C-alpha atoms as a PDB file:
ATOM      1  CA  UNK A   1     161.982  52.658 150.923  1.00  0.00           C
ATOM      2  CA  UNK A   2     161.180  56.005 149.377  1.00  0.00           C
ATOM      3  CA  UNK A   3     157.692  56.743 148.082  1.00  0.00           C
ATOM      4  CA  UNK A   4     157.427  55.539 144.497  1.00  0.00           C
ATOM      5  CA  UNK A   5     160.111  52.824 144.861  1.00  0.00           C
ATOM      6  CA  UNK A   6     157.450  50.098 144.644  1.00  0.00           C
ATOM      7  CA  UNK A   7     155.370  49.386 141.539  1.00  0.00           C
ATOM      8  CA  UNK A   8     153.196  46.542 140.176  1.00  0.00           C
ATOM      9  CA  UNK A   9     153.260  45.850 136.437  1.00  0.00           C
ATOM     10  CA  UNK A  10     150.196  44.958 134.370  1.00  0.00           C
ATOM     11  CA  UNK A  11     151.454  41.367 134.443  1.00  0.00           C
ATOM     12  CA  UNK A  12     151.460  41.356 138.238  1.00  0.00           C
ATOM     13  CA  UNK A  13     155.179  41.586 138.768  1.00  0.00           C
ATOM     14  CA  UNK A  14     156.271  43.564 141.805  1.00  0.00           C
ATOM     15  CA  UNK A  15     159.169  45.958 141.148  1.00  0.00           C
ATOM     16  CA  UNK A  16     160.930  47.536 144.118  1.00  0.00           C
ATOM     17  CA  UNK A  17     164.194  48.966 145.515  1.00  0.00           C
ATOM     18  CA  UNK A  18     165.935  47.134 148.312  1.00  0.00           C
ATOM     19  CA  UNK A  19     169.505  47.640 149.497  1.00  0.00           C
ATOM     20  CA  UNK A  20     169.942  50.351 146.878  1.00  0.00           C
ATOM     21  CA  UNK A  21     169.260  48.060 143.914  1.00  0.00           C
ATOM     22  CA  UNK A  22     166.087  47.418 141.868  1.00  0.00           C
ATOM     23  CA  UNK A  23     164.422  44.017 142.011  1.00  0.00           C
ATOM     24  CA  UNK A  24     161.501  42.334 140.276  1.00  0.00           C
ATOM     25  CA  UNK A  25     159.432  39.651 141.953  1.00  0.00           C
ATOM     26  CA  UNK A  26     156.703  37.362 140.811  1.00  0.00           C
ATOM     27  CA  UNK A  27     153.246  38.103 142.221  1.00  0.00           C
ATOM     28  CA  UNK A  28     153.572  35.092 144.567  1.00  0.00           C
ATOM     29  CA  UNK A  29     157.079  36.049 145.707  1.00  0.00           C
ATOM     30  CA  UNK A  30     158.595  32.745 144.613  1.00  0.00           C
ATOM     31  CA  UNK A  31     160.948  34.420 142.134  1.00  0.00           C
ATOM     32  CA  UNK A  32     162.955  37.560 142.951  1.00  0.00           C
ATOM     33  CA  UNK A  33     165.624  38.946 140.639  1.00  0.00           C
ATOM     34  CA  UNK A  34     167.940  41.934 141.181  1.00  0.00           C
ATOM     35  CA  UNK A  35     168.210  43.800 137.869  1.00  0.00           C
ATOM     36  CA  UNK A  36     170.601  46.655 138.822  1.00  0.00           C
ATOM     37  CA  UNK A  37     174.051  46.531 140.328  1.00  0.00           C
ATOM     38  CA  UNK A  38     176.161  48.725 142.618  1.00  0.00           C
ATOM     39  CA  UNK A  39     173.465  50.330 144.711  1.00  0.00           C
ATOM     40  CA  UNK A  40     172.355  53.948 144.712  1.00  0.00           C
ATOM     41  CA  UNK A  41     169.077  53.387 142.831  1.00  0.00           C
ATOM     42  CA  UNK A  42     166.264  55.778 143.819  1.00  0.00           C
ATOM     43  CA  UNK A  43     163.009  57.200 142.434  1.00  0.00           C
ATOM     44  CA  UNK A  44     162.191  53.968 140.539  1.00  0.00           C
ATOM     45  CA  UNK A  45     159.414  54.201 138.011  1.00  0.00           C
ATOM     46  CA  UNK A  46     158.110  51.555 135.598  1.00  0.00           C
ATOM     47  CA  UNK A  47     156.832  52.290 132.084  1.00  0.00           C
ATOM     48  CA  UNK A  48     153.114  51.794 131.340  1.00  0.00           C
ATOM     49  CA  UNK A  49     153.862  48.587 129.414  1.00  0.00           C
ATOM     50  CA  UNK A  50     155.907  47.223 132.375  1.00  0.00           C
ATOM     51  CA  UNK A  51     158.958  46.581 130.166  1.00  0.00           C
ATOM     52  CA  UNK A  52     161.272  49.504 131.115  1.00  0.00           C
ATOM     53  CA  UNK A  53     162.510  50.934 134.375  1.00  0.00           C
ATOM     54  CA  UNK A  54     163.447  54.523 134.930  1.00  0.00           C
ATOM     55  CA  UNK A  55     165.500  55.516 138.013  1.00  0.00           C
ATOM     56  CA  UNK A  56     168.050  57.968 139.408  1.00  0.00           C
ATOM     57  CA  UNK A  57     171.508  56.816 140.349  1.00  0.00           C
ATOM     58  CA  UNK A  58     174.413  59.065 141.234  1.00  0.00           C
ATOM     59  CA  UNK A  59     172.421  62.173 140.373  1.00  0.00           C
ATOM     60  CA  UNK A  60     171.709  60.920 136.813  1.00  0.00           C
ATOM     61  CA  UNK A  61     168.532  59.571 135.225  1.00  0.00           C
ATOM     62  CA  UNK A  62     168.685  56.114 133.661  1.00  0.00           C
ATOM     63  CA  UNK A  63     166.358  53.950 131.595  1.00  0.00           C
ATOM     64  CA  UNK A  64     166.717  50.173 131.486  1.00  0.00           C
ATOM     65  CA  UNK A  65     164.801  48.393 128.755  1.00  0.00           C
ATOM     66  CA  UNK A  66     163.919  45.042 130.264  1.00  0.00           C
ATOM     67  CA  UNK A  67     163.713  44.058 133.932  1.00  0.00           C
ATOM     68  CA  UNK A  68     166.541  41.552 133.743  1.00  0.00           C
ATOM     69  CA  UNK A  69     170.137  41.608 135.073  1.00  0.00           C
ATOM     70  CA  UNK A  70     171.594  41.447 131.541  1.00  0.00           C
ATOM     71  CA  UNK A  71     169.617  44.562 130.359  1.00  0.00           C
ATOM     72  CA  UNK A  72     172.065  47.449 130.085  1.00  0.00           C
ATOM     73  CA  UNK A  73     170.962  50.804 131.543  1.00  0.00           C
ATOM     74  CA  UNK A  74     171.335  53.927 129.434  1.00  0.00           C
ATOM     75  CA  UNK A  75     171.760  57.426 130.834  1.00  0.00           C
ATOM     76  CA  UNK A  76     168.965  59.810 129.763  1.00  0.00           C
ATOM     77  CA  UNK A  77     170.200  63.134 128.481  1.00  0.00           C
ATOM     78  CA  UNK A  78     168.131  66.292 128.049  1.00  0.00           C
ATOM     79  CA  UNK A  79     168.921  69.118 125.679  1.00  0.00           C
ATOM     80  CA  UNK A  80     167.254  72.466 126.037  1.00  0.00           C
ATOM     81  CA  UNK A  81     166.650  74.430 122.881  1.00  0.00           C
ATOM     82  CA  UNK A  82     166.307  78.109 123.550  1.00  0.00           C
ATOM     83  CA  UNK A  83     165.027  80.600 121.063  1.00  0.00           C
END
């Protein structure tokens, strides 16, 4: 596991990468849910409110609003404005 691929939300959920996919676990470990598919997830970060995940996959940056399998990830795009 790479540094930063483990986080704890304010609600006590543990969010981590295993087998290339992101998972969320209850604080007691009784409930574990994989919320990404297809592997390749790295550099996982969780928003301050614990409701969104940011990660790299295939060289792209994604945000996933909600830590559930049915939450669709969106690619983050940056635009540079030069003057």
